[in-house]
N, C-alpha and C. Protein backbone atom coordinates (compact mmCIF):
# COMPACT_ATOMS: atom_id res chain seq x y z
N MET A 1 7.94 14.65 0.43
CA MET A 1 6.88 15.56 0.80
C MET A 1 5.52 14.93 0.48
N VAL A 2 4.62 14.97 1.41
CA VAL A 2 3.28 14.43 1.23
C VAL A 2 2.47 15.37 0.33
N CYS A 3 1.75 14.79 -0.62
CA CYS A 3 0.91 15.59 -1.51
C CYS A 3 -0.23 16.21 -0.70
N PRO A 4 -0.33 17.54 -0.69
CA PRO A 4 -1.40 18.18 0.08
C PRO A 4 -2.78 17.89 -0.54
N SER A 5 -3.79 17.85 0.30
CA SER A 5 -5.13 17.48 -0.17
C SER A 5 -5.68 18.43 -1.22
N TRP A 6 -5.28 19.70 -1.19
CA TRP A 6 -5.79 20.64 -2.18
C TRP A 6 -5.24 20.35 -3.58
N LEU A 7 -4.19 19.53 -3.66
CA LEU A 7 -3.64 19.11 -4.95
C LEU A 7 -4.10 17.71 -5.35
N SER A 8 -5.07 17.17 -4.65
CA SER A 8 -5.45 15.78 -4.88
C SER A 8 -6.02 15.52 -6.26
N PHE A 9 -6.43 16.56 -6.97
CA PHE A 9 -6.93 16.36 -8.33
C PHE A 9 -5.86 15.75 -9.24
N ILE A 10 -4.58 15.93 -8.91
CA ILE A 10 -3.54 15.31 -9.72
C ILE A 10 -3.43 13.81 -9.45
N LEU A 11 -3.95 13.37 -8.31
CA LEU A 11 -3.93 11.95 -7.97
C LEU A 11 -5.10 11.20 -8.57
N TYR A 12 -6.18 11.89 -8.84
CA TYR A 12 -7.37 11.24 -9.38
C TYR A 12 -7.87 12.11 -10.53
N ASN A 13 -7.46 11.76 -11.71
CA ASN A 13 -7.89 12.51 -12.90
C ASN A 13 -8.05 11.54 -14.06
N PRO A 14 -8.72 11.95 -15.13
CA PRO A 14 -8.98 11.03 -16.24
C PRO A 14 -7.71 10.45 -16.89
N PHE A 15 -6.65 11.24 -16.97
CA PHE A 15 -5.42 10.75 -17.58
C PHE A 15 -4.78 9.65 -16.74
N ARG A 16 -4.68 9.90 -15.44
CA ARG A 16 -4.08 8.89 -14.56
C ARG A 16 -4.93 7.63 -14.56
N LYS A 17 -6.24 7.82 -14.55
CA LYS A 17 -7.15 6.68 -14.55
C LYS A 17 -6.98 5.88 -15.84
N ALA A 18 -6.80 6.56 -16.95
CA ALA A 18 -6.64 5.89 -18.24
C ALA A 18 -5.31 5.15 -18.37
N PHE A 19 -4.25 5.72 -17.78
CA PHE A 19 -2.92 5.15 -17.97
C PHE A 19 -2.45 4.24 -16.83
N THR A 20 -3.20 4.16 -15.77
CA THR A 20 -2.85 3.28 -14.65
C THR A 20 -3.77 2.06 -14.71
N ARG A 21 -3.17 0.93 -14.86
CA ARG A 21 -3.95 -0.31 -14.94
C ARG A 21 -4.19 -0.83 -13.52
N ARG A 22 -5.23 -0.30 -12.90
CA ARG A 22 -5.49 -0.65 -11.51
C ARG A 22 -5.77 -2.14 -11.33
N GLU A 23 -6.45 -2.75 -12.30
CA GLU A 23 -6.71 -4.19 -12.20
C GLU A 23 -5.41 -4.99 -12.21
N ALA A 24 -4.43 -4.54 -13.00
CA ALA A 24 -3.13 -5.22 -13.03
C ALA A 24 -2.42 -5.09 -11.68
N ILE A 25 -2.58 -3.96 -11.02
CA ILE A 25 -2.00 -3.77 -9.69
C ILE A 25 -2.59 -4.78 -8.72
N LEU A 26 -3.90 -4.96 -8.77
CA LEU A 26 -4.54 -5.93 -7.90
C LEU A 26 -4.02 -7.34 -8.20
N ASN A 27 -3.92 -7.68 -9.48
CA ASN A 27 -3.47 -9.02 -9.86
C ASN A 27 -2.04 -9.29 -9.41
N GLU A 28 -1.10 -8.38 -9.70
CA GLU A 28 0.28 -8.64 -9.33
C GLU A 28 0.51 -8.54 -7.83
N SER A 29 -0.44 -7.97 -7.12
CA SER A 29 -0.36 -7.88 -5.65
C SER A 29 -1.05 -9.07 -4.97
N GLY A 30 -1.63 -9.95 -5.76
CA GLY A 30 -2.27 -11.13 -5.20
C GLY A 30 -3.62 -10.89 -4.57
N VAL A 31 -4.28 -9.81 -4.94
CA VAL A 31 -5.60 -9.49 -4.39
C VAL A 31 -6.66 -10.36 -5.07
N THR A 32 -7.45 -11.04 -4.25
CA THR A 32 -8.58 -11.84 -4.74
C THR A 32 -9.87 -11.30 -4.14
N GLY A 33 -10.98 -11.86 -4.53
CA GLY A 33 -12.28 -11.43 -4.02
C GLY A 33 -12.45 -11.64 -2.53
N ASN A 34 -11.62 -12.49 -1.93
CA ASN A 34 -11.70 -12.76 -0.50
C ASN A 34 -10.62 -12.06 0.31
N SER A 35 -9.71 -11.38 -0.35
CA SER A 35 -8.57 -10.77 0.34
C SER A 35 -8.98 -9.65 1.29
N VAL A 36 -8.26 -9.58 2.40
CA VAL A 36 -8.31 -8.43 3.29
C VAL A 36 -7.07 -7.61 2.95
N VAL A 37 -7.29 -6.37 2.55
CA VAL A 37 -6.21 -5.53 2.04
C VAL A 37 -5.97 -4.34 2.96
N LEU A 38 -4.70 -4.09 3.25
CA LEU A 38 -4.29 -2.90 3.96
C LEU A 38 -3.67 -1.97 2.93
N GLU A 39 -4.28 -0.83 2.73
CA GLU A 39 -3.73 0.17 1.81
C GLU A 39 -3.20 1.33 2.65
N VAL A 40 -1.91 1.58 2.56
CA VAL A 40 -1.29 2.63 3.36
C VAL A 40 -0.98 3.81 2.45
N GLY A 41 -1.52 4.97 2.81
CA GLY A 41 -1.39 6.15 1.97
C GLY A 41 -2.50 6.17 0.93
N ALA A 42 -3.72 5.98 1.38
CA ALA A 42 -4.86 5.85 0.48
C ALA A 42 -5.18 7.13 -0.28
N GLY A 43 -4.75 8.26 0.24
CA GLY A 43 -5.02 9.52 -0.45
C GLY A 43 -6.51 9.75 -0.64
N ASN A 44 -6.87 10.16 -1.83
CA ASN A 44 -8.27 10.45 -2.12
C ASN A 44 -9.02 9.26 -2.70
N GLY A 45 -8.41 8.09 -2.69
CA GLY A 45 -9.12 6.87 -3.07
C GLY A 45 -8.90 6.38 -4.48
N PHE A 46 -7.89 6.90 -5.17
CA PHE A 46 -7.63 6.48 -6.55
C PHE A 46 -7.54 4.96 -6.67
N LEU A 47 -6.80 4.32 -5.78
CA LEU A 47 -6.67 2.87 -5.81
C LEU A 47 -7.69 2.19 -4.90
N THR A 48 -8.12 2.88 -3.87
CA THR A 48 -9.03 2.30 -2.88
C THR A 48 -10.32 1.78 -3.51
N GLU A 49 -10.89 2.54 -4.43
CA GLU A 49 -12.15 2.08 -5.02
C GLU A 49 -11.95 0.80 -5.83
N ALA A 50 -10.83 0.66 -6.53
CA ALA A 50 -10.55 -0.58 -7.26
C ALA A 50 -10.32 -1.73 -6.28
N LEU A 51 -9.64 -1.46 -5.17
CA LEU A 51 -9.44 -2.48 -4.15
C LEU A 51 -10.76 -2.94 -3.56
N ALA A 52 -11.65 -1.99 -3.29
CA ALA A 52 -12.96 -2.33 -2.72
C ALA A 52 -13.78 -3.18 -3.69
N GLU A 53 -13.65 -2.91 -4.97
CA GLU A 53 -14.38 -3.69 -5.97
C GLU A 53 -13.80 -5.09 -6.12
N GLY A 54 -12.49 -5.25 -5.90
CA GLY A 54 -11.84 -6.52 -6.17
C GLY A 54 -11.44 -7.35 -4.97
N SER A 55 -11.80 -6.93 -3.76
CA SER A 55 -11.40 -7.68 -2.56
C SER A 55 -12.58 -7.82 -1.61
N GLY A 56 -12.32 -8.52 -0.51
CA GLY A 56 -13.36 -8.70 0.50
C GLY A 56 -13.48 -7.54 1.47
N LYS A 57 -12.34 -6.94 1.83
CA LYS A 57 -12.30 -5.87 2.83
C LYS A 57 -11.05 -5.03 2.61
N VAL A 58 -11.18 -3.71 2.79
CA VAL A 58 -10.04 -2.80 2.66
C VAL A 58 -9.94 -1.96 3.93
N TYR A 59 -8.73 -1.93 4.49
CA TYR A 59 -8.40 -1.00 5.55
C TYR A 59 -7.52 0.07 4.91
N ALA A 60 -8.05 1.26 4.78
CA ALA A 60 -7.36 2.36 4.10
C ALA A 60 -6.81 3.32 5.14
N VAL A 61 -5.49 3.41 5.21
CA VAL A 61 -4.82 4.29 6.16
C VAL A 61 -4.45 5.58 5.45
N GLU A 62 -4.86 6.70 6.05
CA GLU A 62 -4.56 8.01 5.47
C GLU A 62 -4.32 8.99 6.59
N LEU A 63 -3.38 9.88 6.35
CA LEU A 63 -2.91 10.84 7.34
C LEU A 63 -3.68 12.16 7.34
N GLN A 64 -4.06 12.64 6.17
CA GLN A 64 -4.60 14.00 6.03
C GLN A 64 -6.12 14.06 6.05
N ASP A 65 -6.64 14.98 6.85
CA ASP A 65 -8.08 15.16 6.94
C ASP A 65 -8.72 15.48 5.60
N GLY A 66 -8.09 16.34 4.81
CA GLY A 66 -8.64 16.72 3.51
C GLY A 66 -8.75 15.53 2.57
N MET A 67 -7.75 14.68 2.57
CA MET A 67 -7.79 13.46 1.75
C MET A 67 -8.87 12.51 2.25
N ILE A 68 -9.00 12.40 3.57
CA ILE A 68 -9.99 11.50 4.15
C ILE A 68 -11.39 11.93 3.75
N ARG A 69 -11.67 13.24 3.74
CA ARG A 69 -13.00 13.71 3.32
C ARG A 69 -13.30 13.25 1.89
N LYS A 70 -12.33 13.38 1.01
CA LYS A 70 -12.51 12.96 -0.38
C LYS A 70 -12.61 11.45 -0.49
N LEU A 71 -11.79 10.76 0.27
CA LEU A 71 -11.81 9.30 0.28
C LEU A 71 -13.17 8.77 0.74
N ARG A 72 -13.71 9.35 1.80
CA ARG A 72 -15.03 8.91 2.31
C ARG A 72 -16.10 9.03 1.22
N LYS A 73 -16.09 10.13 0.50
CA LYS A 73 -17.08 10.31 -0.58
C LYS A 73 -16.89 9.26 -1.67
N ARG A 74 -15.65 9.01 -2.03
CA ARG A 74 -15.36 8.10 -3.13
C ARG A 74 -15.74 6.66 -2.79
N VAL A 75 -15.62 6.25 -1.54
CA VAL A 75 -15.86 4.84 -1.19
C VAL A 75 -17.17 4.62 -0.43
N ALA A 76 -17.98 5.64 -0.29
CA ALA A 76 -19.24 5.52 0.47
C ALA A 76 -20.10 4.37 -0.04
N ARG A 77 -20.11 4.15 -1.34
CA ARG A 77 -20.98 3.12 -1.92
C ARG A 77 -20.58 1.70 -1.51
N PHE A 78 -19.39 1.54 -0.94
CA PHE A 78 -18.93 0.21 -0.54
C PHE A 78 -19.27 -0.13 0.90
N GLY A 79 -19.85 0.82 1.62
CA GLY A 79 -20.27 0.58 3.00
C GLY A 79 -19.13 0.10 3.89
N ASP A 80 -19.41 -0.95 4.67
CA ASP A 80 -18.41 -1.42 5.64
C ASP A 80 -17.31 -2.27 5.03
N ARG A 81 -17.29 -2.42 3.71
CA ARG A 81 -16.18 -3.14 3.05
C ARG A 81 -14.91 -2.30 3.05
N VAL A 82 -15.04 -0.99 3.33
CA VAL A 82 -13.88 -0.12 3.44
C VAL A 82 -13.89 0.55 4.81
N SER A 83 -12.83 0.34 5.56
CA SER A 83 -12.65 1.02 6.84
C SER A 83 -11.50 2.00 6.69
N ILE A 84 -11.76 3.25 7.03
CA ILE A 84 -10.74 4.29 6.92
C ILE A 84 -10.11 4.49 8.29
N ILE A 85 -8.80 4.43 8.32
CA ILE A 85 -8.04 4.61 9.55
C ILE A 85 -7.22 5.88 9.40
N LYS A 86 -7.49 6.87 10.25
CA LYS A 86 -6.75 8.13 10.20
C LYS A 86 -5.50 8.00 11.04
N GLY A 87 -4.37 8.36 10.43
CA GLY A 87 -3.14 8.38 11.21
C GLY A 87 -1.90 8.12 10.40
N ASP A 88 -0.79 8.32 11.05
CA ASP A 88 0.54 8.06 10.50
C ASP A 88 0.83 6.58 10.76
N ILE A 89 1.14 5.83 9.72
CA ILE A 89 1.36 4.39 9.86
C ILE A 89 2.47 4.06 10.85
N SER A 90 3.39 4.97 11.05
CA SER A 90 4.48 4.70 12.00
C SER A 90 4.05 4.93 13.44
N LEU A 91 2.89 5.54 13.64
CA LEU A 91 2.44 5.86 15.00
C LEU A 91 1.18 5.11 15.43
N ILE A 92 0.44 4.55 14.49
CA ILE A 92 -0.81 3.88 14.86
C ILE A 92 -0.55 2.42 15.21
N SER A 93 -1.53 1.82 15.84
CA SER A 93 -1.46 0.41 16.18
C SER A 93 -2.52 -0.32 15.36
N LEU A 94 -2.11 -1.38 14.69
CA LEU A 94 -3.04 -2.22 13.93
C LEU A 94 -3.03 -3.62 14.52
N ASP A 95 -4.11 -4.34 14.34
CA ASP A 95 -4.16 -5.73 14.80
C ASP A 95 -3.07 -6.55 14.11
N GLU A 96 -2.52 -7.51 14.83
CA GLU A 96 -1.55 -8.42 14.22
C GLU A 96 -2.26 -9.32 13.24
N GLU A 97 -1.58 -9.62 12.15
CA GLU A 97 -2.08 -10.48 11.09
C GLU A 97 -3.49 -10.07 10.65
N LEU A 98 -3.67 -8.79 10.46
CA LEU A 98 -4.94 -8.19 10.04
C LEU A 98 -5.25 -8.46 8.58
N ALA A 99 -4.22 -8.41 7.71
CA ALA A 99 -4.45 -8.39 6.27
C ALA A 99 -3.66 -9.47 5.53
N ASP A 100 -4.21 -9.85 4.39
CA ASP A 100 -3.55 -10.78 3.48
C ASP A 100 -2.54 -10.06 2.60
N VAL A 101 -2.87 -8.82 2.27
CA VAL A 101 -2.07 -8.03 1.33
C VAL A 101 -1.96 -6.61 1.84
N CYS A 102 -0.78 -6.02 1.67
CA CYS A 102 -0.59 -4.59 1.93
C CYS A 102 -0.12 -3.95 0.64
N ILE A 103 -0.76 -2.87 0.25
CA ILE A 103 -0.35 -2.14 -0.95
C ILE A 103 0.06 -0.73 -0.54
N LEU A 104 1.25 -0.37 -0.97
CA LEU A 104 1.79 0.97 -0.77
C LEU A 104 1.99 1.55 -2.17
N TYR A 105 1.04 2.33 -2.61
CA TYR A 105 1.07 2.85 -3.98
C TYR A 105 1.53 4.30 -3.96
N TYR A 106 2.77 4.50 -4.38
CA TYR A 106 3.38 5.83 -4.45
C TYR A 106 3.36 6.53 -3.09
N SER A 107 3.60 5.78 -2.02
CA SER A 107 3.50 6.38 -0.70
C SER A 107 4.69 6.15 0.22
N PHE A 108 5.36 5.01 0.13
CA PHE A 108 6.38 4.68 1.13
C PHE A 108 7.49 5.72 1.20
N HIS A 109 7.85 6.29 0.07
CA HIS A 109 8.93 7.29 0.05
C HIS A 109 8.57 8.55 0.83
N GLU A 110 7.28 8.75 1.11
CA GLU A 110 6.83 9.93 1.83
C GLU A 110 6.81 9.75 3.34
N PHE A 111 7.01 8.53 3.82
CA PHE A 111 6.93 8.26 5.25
C PHE A 111 8.13 8.84 5.97
N GLY A 112 7.88 9.50 7.09
CA GLY A 112 8.95 10.08 7.88
C GLY A 112 9.80 9.03 8.57
N ASP A 113 9.17 8.10 9.26
CA ASP A 113 9.90 7.06 10.00
C ASP A 113 9.63 5.72 9.33
N LYS A 114 10.44 5.41 8.36
CA LYS A 114 10.25 4.20 7.56
C LYS A 114 10.43 2.93 8.38
N GLU A 115 11.33 2.96 9.36
CA GLU A 115 11.56 1.78 10.21
C GLU A 115 10.30 1.43 11.01
N LYS A 116 9.72 2.42 11.66
CA LYS A 116 8.51 2.17 12.45
C LYS A 116 7.33 1.82 11.54
N ALA A 117 7.26 2.45 10.38
CA ALA A 117 6.21 2.12 9.42
C ALA A 117 6.34 0.66 8.99
N ALA A 118 7.56 0.22 8.70
CA ALA A 118 7.80 -1.17 8.31
C ALA A 118 7.43 -2.12 9.44
N ASP A 119 7.71 -1.72 10.69
CA ASP A 119 7.32 -2.55 11.84
C ASP A 119 5.80 -2.74 11.90
N THR A 120 5.07 -1.64 11.80
CA THR A 120 3.60 -1.69 11.88
C THR A 120 3.03 -2.53 10.75
N ILE A 121 3.49 -2.28 9.55
CA ILE A 121 2.99 -3.01 8.38
C ILE A 121 3.33 -4.50 8.51
N SER A 122 4.54 -4.81 8.91
CA SER A 122 4.97 -6.20 9.02
C SER A 122 4.12 -6.98 10.01
N ARG A 123 3.81 -6.38 11.13
CA ARG A 123 2.96 -7.05 12.13
C ARG A 123 1.54 -7.27 11.61
N ALA A 124 1.07 -6.36 10.78
CA ALA A 124 -0.32 -6.41 10.31
C ALA A 124 -0.55 -7.42 9.19
N ILE A 125 0.52 -7.95 8.59
CA ILE A 125 0.38 -8.89 7.48
C ILE A 125 0.45 -10.32 7.99
N LYS A 126 -0.47 -11.15 7.50
CA LYS A 126 -0.51 -12.57 7.86
C LYS A 126 0.69 -13.31 7.26
N TYR A 127 1.08 -14.42 7.89
CA TYR A 127 2.11 -15.27 7.28
C TYR A 127 1.57 -15.79 5.95
N GLY A 128 2.42 -15.74 4.95
CA GLY A 128 2.01 -16.09 3.59
C GLY A 128 1.46 -14.90 2.83
N GLY A 129 1.27 -13.77 3.53
CA GLY A 129 0.73 -12.57 2.90
C GLY A 129 1.79 -11.80 2.14
N LEU A 130 1.32 -10.83 1.37
CA LEU A 130 2.19 -10.07 0.48
C LEU A 130 2.16 -8.58 0.78
N ILE A 131 3.30 -7.95 0.53
CA ILE A 131 3.40 -6.49 0.53
C ILE A 131 3.81 -6.09 -0.88
N SER A 132 3.07 -5.17 -1.49
CA SER A 132 3.41 -4.64 -2.81
C SER A 132 3.73 -3.16 -2.66
N ILE A 133 4.90 -2.78 -3.19
CA ILE A 133 5.34 -1.40 -3.09
C ILE A 133 5.56 -0.85 -4.49
N TYR A 134 4.84 0.21 -4.80
CA TYR A 134 4.97 0.92 -6.07
C TYR A 134 5.49 2.31 -5.77
N GLU A 135 6.53 2.72 -6.48
CA GLU A 135 7.10 4.04 -6.26
C GLU A 135 7.36 4.72 -7.60
N PRO A 136 7.28 6.05 -7.63
CA PRO A 136 7.55 6.77 -8.88
C PRO A 136 9.05 6.80 -9.19
N THR A 137 9.41 6.43 -10.41
CA THR A 137 10.83 6.38 -10.79
C THR A 137 11.49 7.75 -10.71
N PHE A 138 10.74 8.81 -10.94
CA PHE A 138 11.33 10.15 -10.93
C PHE A 138 11.62 10.66 -9.53
N GLU A 139 11.09 10.01 -8.49
CA GLU A 139 11.35 10.43 -7.11
C GLU A 139 12.15 9.40 -6.32
N VAL A 140 12.05 8.14 -6.71
CA VAL A 140 12.65 7.07 -5.92
C VAL A 140 13.62 6.28 -6.81
N GLY A 141 14.90 6.34 -6.45
CA GLY A 141 15.93 5.64 -7.21
C GLY A 141 16.06 4.18 -6.79
N LYS A 142 16.88 3.47 -7.52
CA LYS A 142 17.10 2.04 -7.25
C LYS A 142 17.66 1.81 -5.85
N GLN A 143 18.58 2.68 -5.42
CA GLN A 143 19.16 2.51 -4.08
C GLN A 143 18.11 2.68 -2.99
N SER A 144 17.21 3.62 -3.17
CA SER A 144 16.12 3.80 -2.19
C SER A 144 15.23 2.57 -2.14
N MET A 145 14.95 2.00 -3.30
CA MET A 145 14.13 0.78 -3.33
C MET A 145 14.86 -0.37 -2.65
N GLN A 146 16.17 -0.45 -2.81
CA GLN A 146 16.94 -1.50 -2.16
C GLN A 146 16.93 -1.33 -0.64
N ARG A 147 17.00 -0.08 -0.18
CA ARG A 147 16.91 0.18 1.28
C ARG A 147 15.53 -0.24 1.80
N THR A 148 14.50 0.05 1.02
CA THR A 148 13.14 -0.37 1.40
C THR A 148 13.07 -1.89 1.46
N ALA A 149 13.64 -2.55 0.47
CA ALA A 149 13.64 -4.02 0.45
C ALA A 149 14.31 -4.57 1.71
N MET A 150 15.43 -3.99 2.09
CA MET A 150 16.14 -4.45 3.30
C MET A 150 15.28 -4.31 4.54
N LEU A 151 14.52 -3.22 4.63
CA LEU A 151 13.65 -3.02 5.80
C LEU A 151 12.69 -4.19 5.97
N PHE A 152 12.09 -4.62 4.88
CA PHE A 152 11.11 -5.71 4.97
C PHE A 152 11.77 -7.07 5.07
N GLU A 153 12.90 -7.26 4.44
CA GLU A 153 13.63 -8.52 4.57
C GLU A 153 14.08 -8.73 6.00
N GLN A 154 14.46 -7.67 6.70
CA GLN A 154 14.86 -7.77 8.10
C GLN A 154 13.68 -8.13 9.01
N ARG A 155 12.47 -8.00 8.49
CA ARG A 155 11.26 -8.26 9.28
C ARG A 155 10.55 -9.54 8.84
N GLY A 156 11.26 -10.43 8.15
CA GLY A 156 10.70 -11.73 7.84
C GLY A 156 10.03 -11.86 6.48
N PHE A 157 10.37 -10.99 5.55
CA PHE A 157 9.80 -11.07 4.21
C PHE A 157 10.89 -11.47 3.21
N VAL A 158 10.48 -12.16 2.16
CA VAL A 158 11.38 -12.46 1.05
C VAL A 158 10.81 -11.82 -0.20
N GLN A 159 11.71 -11.35 -1.04
CA GLN A 159 11.26 -10.68 -2.26
C GLN A 159 10.63 -11.69 -3.19
N ALA A 160 9.48 -11.33 -3.72
CA ALA A 160 8.74 -12.21 -4.63
C ALA A 160 8.86 -11.72 -6.08
N GLN A 161 8.75 -10.41 -6.28
CA GLN A 161 8.80 -9.83 -7.62
C GLN A 161 9.53 -8.50 -7.59
N GLU A 162 10.02 -8.12 -8.75
CA GLU A 162 10.60 -6.80 -8.91
C GLU A 162 10.52 -6.44 -10.39
N LYS A 163 10.13 -5.21 -10.67
CA LYS A 163 10.15 -4.74 -12.05
C LYS A 163 10.23 -3.22 -12.06
N GLU A 164 10.71 -2.73 -13.17
CA GLU A 164 10.85 -1.29 -13.31
C GLU A 164 10.27 -0.88 -14.66
N GLY A 165 9.39 0.09 -14.63
CA GLY A 165 8.82 0.64 -15.85
C GLY A 165 9.29 2.07 -16.04
N LEU A 166 8.74 2.71 -17.01
CA LEU A 166 9.11 4.08 -17.31
C LEU A 166 8.78 5.02 -16.15
N PHE A 167 7.62 4.81 -15.53
CA PHE A 167 7.15 5.69 -14.46
C PHE A 167 7.16 5.07 -13.07
N THR A 168 7.21 3.74 -13.00
CA THR A 168 7.01 3.08 -11.72
C THR A 168 8.05 1.99 -11.45
N ARG A 169 8.54 1.98 -10.21
CA ARG A 169 9.35 0.87 -9.70
C ARG A 169 8.42 0.04 -8.82
N PHE A 170 8.55 -1.27 -8.90
CA PHE A 170 7.67 -2.17 -8.16
C PHE A 170 8.48 -3.29 -7.53
N MET A 171 8.13 -3.60 -6.29
CA MET A 171 8.66 -4.77 -5.58
C MET A 171 7.53 -5.37 -4.77
N SER A 172 7.54 -6.69 -4.65
CA SER A 172 6.62 -7.33 -3.73
C SER A 172 7.40 -8.31 -2.86
N PHE A 173 6.85 -8.54 -1.67
CA PHE A 173 7.49 -9.37 -0.67
C PHE A 173 6.45 -10.30 -0.05
N LYS A 174 6.89 -11.49 0.30
CA LYS A 174 6.02 -12.47 0.95
C LYS A 174 6.51 -12.69 2.37
N LYS A 175 5.57 -12.71 3.31
CA LYS A 175 5.92 -12.93 4.73
C LYS A 175 6.01 -14.42 5.00
N ILE A 176 7.17 -14.81 5.49
CA ILE A 176 7.38 -16.20 5.83
C ILE A 176 7.87 -16.32 7.27
N PRO A 177 7.64 -17.45 7.89
CA PRO A 177 8.16 -17.62 9.26
C PRO A 177 9.68 -17.52 9.26
N ILE A 178 10.24 -16.95 10.31
CA ILE A 178 11.68 -16.78 10.44
C ILE A 178 12.40 -18.13 10.28
N THR A 179 11.80 -19.20 10.76
CA THR A 179 12.44 -20.52 10.63
C THR A 179 12.63 -20.90 9.17
N ASP A 180 11.73 -20.46 8.29
CA ASP A 180 11.86 -20.78 6.86
C ASP A 180 12.97 -19.96 6.20
N ILE A 181 13.31 -18.81 6.74
CA ILE A 181 14.37 -17.97 6.16
C ILE A 181 15.73 -18.65 6.31
N ALA A 182 15.95 -19.30 7.45
CA ALA A 182 17.25 -19.93 7.71
C ALA A 182 17.51 -21.13 6.82
N GLN A 183 16.46 -21.71 6.25
CA GLN A 183 16.60 -22.93 5.44
C GLN A 183 16.99 -22.65 4.03
């Protein structure tokens, strides 16, 4: 179930901000000052503002109008370094090889059509680029994460990292040419 915008205060609050190491998320996702980042499920901008501060450009995809209103306010100071794209990732069209990094922070489990979402995301990532997926342990089990991994592996990605914490499961994948997979 997608978090409704009227509950967005639970996504951006002092406790979450204090206990979520957003800089560490950027580091383990390979985000640099020059990176073009695709953030899918941007919500009200909890991670988007850190991405905007630490990268060259952010494309923030969000489905809900209420979240987008809050997101616009939160990232206004970054100007054209943040582009907000309204829509369902499984239904929108993005440029091929648009981004160096894609971050899905507590969002992939909420997607209705995960196959089409994986297709869109996979096309939008450059070869050599990374996808980082963070999911809440209390909602997403190991088997669900493995199914997610398979979706991206079938689309030309290899797993780069995996870890599990008390609250978060994390996996990252690197996009490689299909010819490199066979070797």
